Amino acid sequence: MLLTMGRGAGKNNLSKEELRDNKRERDAANYQRKRTEITRKNALAQIAAPIIACPCGLTYKNYKEGKRSHYKTHKHELWEEETEQGLVPLVCQKIKQANNTETARLFINNHYLDNNKFSAAEKMGYVAKFVRLLNKLPDKPPPPLRKVKLFIRKAKPDTN
């Protein structure tokens, strides 16, 4: 019959809390030892990171903190909200003057200004109401059909 000694399963018979504390101390010591190397590496990565143009109209450096901070900006959040609500296609569908995304975007920005919505935060709060207003409008009529003439030419017979 085998008898086990110690406090139970674990490395060197240490409890889970003691193992966790030891790992925390090791990690802190390693970080302190390599802190200058880690900060230099992160700074070089930040400098060398490529600049990305976001569809919201802003740019950001493509590293973890730059991307995260860009996604938290009001302008990017407004663009996400407008995209989720389908605002640009809805304006193209309902407004007669808006035939493409550029004119729809211009109409949206003018509508924000007409309703005294100047900051991105104010615009974000207004998007849902704007979508409700657009949904109440009738669809614009389809463009008139144009007559197209087709000319069919007979192929010349092969003389080979």
Protein backbone atom coordinates (compact mmCIF):
# COMPACT_ATOMS: atom_id res chain seq x y z
CA MET A 1 0.00 0.00 0.00
CA LEU A 2 1.38 3.37 -1.10
CA LEU A 3 1.01 6.37 1.13
CA THR A 4 1.11 9.82 -0.35
CA MET A 5 2.61 12.63 1.57
CA GLY A 6 2.34 16.38 1.17
CA ARG A 7 -0.49 18.78 0.53
CA GLY A 8 -1.89 17.16 -2.58
CA ALA A 9 -1.35 17.19 -6.31
CA GLY A 10 0.85 19.92 -7.73
CA LYS A 11 4.40 20.82 -8.51
CA ASN A 12 6.57 20.08 -5.47
CA ASN A 13 3.38 19.49 -3.53
CA LEU A 14 2.43 23.19 -3.49
CA SER A 15 -1.16 24.33 -3.33
CA LYS A 16 -2.77 26.10 -6.29
CA GLU A 17 -2.59 29.47 -4.53
CA GLU A 18 1.12 29.04 -3.82
CA LEU A 19 1.77 28.02 -7.45
CA ARG A 20 -0.18 31.06 -8.67
CA ASP A 21 1.77 33.38 -6.34
CA ASN A 22 5.09 31.91 -7.47
CA LYS A 23 4.15 32.36 -11.13
CA ARG A 24 3.09 35.96 -10.50
CA GLU A 25 6.43 36.69 -8.82
CA ARG A 26 8.38 35.04 -11.67
CA ASP A 27 6.45 36.99 -14.31
CA ALA A 28 6.98 40.29 -12.47
CA ALA A 29 10.72 39.59 -12.12
CA ASN A 30 11.01 38.70 -15.83
CA TYR A 31 9.17 41.87 -16.81
CA GLN A 32 11.43 44.02 -14.62
CA ARG A 33 14.50 42.34 -16.07
CA LYS A 34 13.36 42.82 -19.69
CA ARG A 35 11.40 46.07 -19.31
CA THR A 36 13.72 48.29 -21.37
CA GLU A 37 13.90 45.68 -24.13
CA ILE A 38 10.08 45.32 -24.17
CA THR A 39 9.43 49.07 -24.26
CA ARG A 40 12.04 49.57 -27.01
CA LYS A 41 10.49 46.73 -29.03
CA ASN A 42 6.98 48.19 -28.62
CA ALA A 43 8.18 51.68 -29.57
CA LEU A 44 9.88 50.37 -32.73
CA ALA A 45 6.77 48.39 -33.65
CA GLN A 46 4.68 51.54 -33.20
CA ILE A 47 7.01 53.60 -35.40
CA ALA A 48 7.23 50.94 -38.11
CA ALA A 49 3.50 50.21 -38.15
CA PRO A 50 1.85 51.00 -41.49
CA ILE A 51 -0.82 53.69 -41.67
CA ILE A 52 -4.25 52.29 -42.53
CA ALA A 53 -7.06 54.33 -44.11
CA CYS A 54 -10.33 53.38 -42.46
CA PRO A 55 -13.62 53.53 -44.41
CA CYS A 56 -14.92 55.99 -41.80
CA GLY A 57 -12.59 58.63 -43.24
CA LEU A 58 -9.86 58.58 -40.59
CA THR A 59 -6.44 56.91 -40.56
CA TYR A 60 -4.68 54.95 -37.84
CA LYS A 61 -1.41 53.13 -37.26
CA ASN A 62 -1.82 49.38 -37.53
CA TYR A 63 -0.71 48.22 -34.10
CA LYS A 64 -2.82 47.03 -31.21
CA GLU A 65 -3.22 50.29 -29.25
CA GLY A 66 -3.57 52.49 -32.35
CA LYS A 67 -6.32 50.32 -33.80
CA ARG A 68 -8.15 50.06 -30.48
CA SER A 69 -8.02 53.81 -29.84
CA HIS A 70 -9.23 54.53 -33.39
CA TYR A 71 -12.22 52.21 -33.02
CA LYS A 72 -13.22 54.11 -29.85
CA THR A 73 -13.38 57.51 -31.59
CA HIS A 74 -16.78 59.12 -32.01
CA LYS A 75 -16.34 59.47 -35.77
CA HIS A 76 -15.69 55.73 -36.23
CA GLU A 77 -18.59 54.83 -33.92
CA LEU A 78 -20.85 57.18 -35.93
CA TRP A 79 -19.74 55.50 -39.17
CA GLU A 80 -20.47 52.06 -37.65
CA GLU A 81 -23.91 53.22 -36.50
CA GLU A 82 -24.75 54.64 -39.92
CA THR A 83 -23.53 51.43 -41.57
CA GLU A 84 -25.53 49.19 -39.23
CA GLN A 85 -28.69 51.23 -39.81
CA GLY A 86 -28.07 51.23 -43.59
CA LEU A 87 -28.38 55.00 -43.78
CA VAL A 88 -26.63 55.64 -47.11
CA PRO A 89 -28.56 53.00 -49.10
CA LEU A 90 -31.78 54.21 -47.47
CA VAL A 91 -31.09 57.79 -48.55
CA CYS A 92 -30.32 56.57 -52.10
CA GLN A 93 -33.63 54.69 -52.07
CA LYS A 94 -35.82 57.49 -50.67
CA ILE A 95 -34.32 60.81 -51.80
CA LYS A 96 -34.66 61.84 -55.44
CA GLN A 97 -31.45 63.93 -55.58
CA ALA A 98 -29.26 61.18 -54.10
CA ASN A 99 -28.22 58.90 -56.94
CA ASN A 100 -24.92 57.60 -55.56
CA THR A 101 -23.10 57.28 -52.25
CA GLU A 102 -21.33 60.65 -52.59
CA THR A 103 -24.54 62.62 -53.05
CA ALA A 104 -26.22 60.55 -50.30
CA ARG A 105 -23.33 61.34 -47.94
CA LEU A 106 -23.63 65.04 -48.84
CA PHE A 107 -27.38 64.95 -48.19
CA ILE A 108 -26.82 63.25 -44.81
CA ASN A 109 -24.22 65.84 -43.74
CA ASN A 110 -26.48 68.72 -44.83
CA HIS A 111 -29.39 67.19 -42.93
CA TYR A 112 -27.24 66.97 -39.78
CA LEU A 113 -26.31 70.65 -40.15
CA ASP A 114 -29.94 71.67 -40.76
CA ASN A 115 -30.89 69.97 -37.48
CA ASN A 116 -28.00 71.53 -35.52
CA LYS A 117 -26.09 68.27 -35.10
CA PHE A 118 -22.46 69.34 -35.28
CA SER A 119 -20.44 66.85 -33.22
CA ALA A 120 -20.17 63.15 -33.92
CA ALA A 121 -21.76 62.37 -30.55
CA GLU A 122 -24.84 64.48 -31.40
CA LYS A 123 -25.06 62.84 -34.82
CA MET A 124 -24.87 59.35 -33.25
CA GLY A 125 -27.86 60.13 -31.08
CA TYR A 126 -29.78 61.40 -34.11
CA VAL A 127 -29.17 58.46 -36.50
CA ALA A 128 -32.10 56.34 -35.26
CA LYS A 129 -34.52 59.28 -35.56
CA PHE A 130 -33.18 60.09 -39.03
CA VAL A 131 -33.76 56.48 -40.15
CA ARG A 132 -37.33 56.60 -38.79
CA LEU A 133 -37.98 59.84 -40.72
CA LEU A 134 -36.60 58.32 -43.93
CA ASN A 135 -38.69 55.16 -43.54
CA LYS A 136 -41.84 57.30 -43.46
CA LEU A 137 -41.02 58.75 -46.89
CA PRO A 138 -42.22 56.95 -50.02
CA ASP A 139 -39.65 55.33 -52.28
CA LYS A 140 -38.50 57.46 -55.17
CA PRO A 141 -39.89 56.38 -58.53
CA PRO A 142 -37.62 54.26 -60.68
CA PRO A 143 -35.83 56.06 -63.51
CA PRO A 144 -37.73 56.09 -66.80
CA LEU A 145 -36.91 53.32 -69.24
CA ARG A 146 -34.95 54.35 -72.29
CA LYS A 147 -35.59 52.87 -75.67
CA VAL A 148 -32.61 51.08 -77.07
CA LYS A 149 -32.25 50.09 -80.70
CA LEU A 150 -30.39 46.92 -81.51
CA PHE A 151 -28.74 46.48 -84.87
CA ILE A 152 -28.08 42.89 -85.88
CA ARG A 153 -25.56 42.36 -88.61
CA LYS A 154 -25.44 39.16 -90.54
CA ALA A 155 -22.11 37.45 -90.54
CA LYS A 156 -20.41 37.20 -93.90
CA PRO A 157 -20.05 33.62 -95.13
CA ASP A 158 -16.58 32.12 -94.93
CA THR A 159 -14.88 32.04 -98.36
CA ASN A 160 -12.06 29.66 -97.43
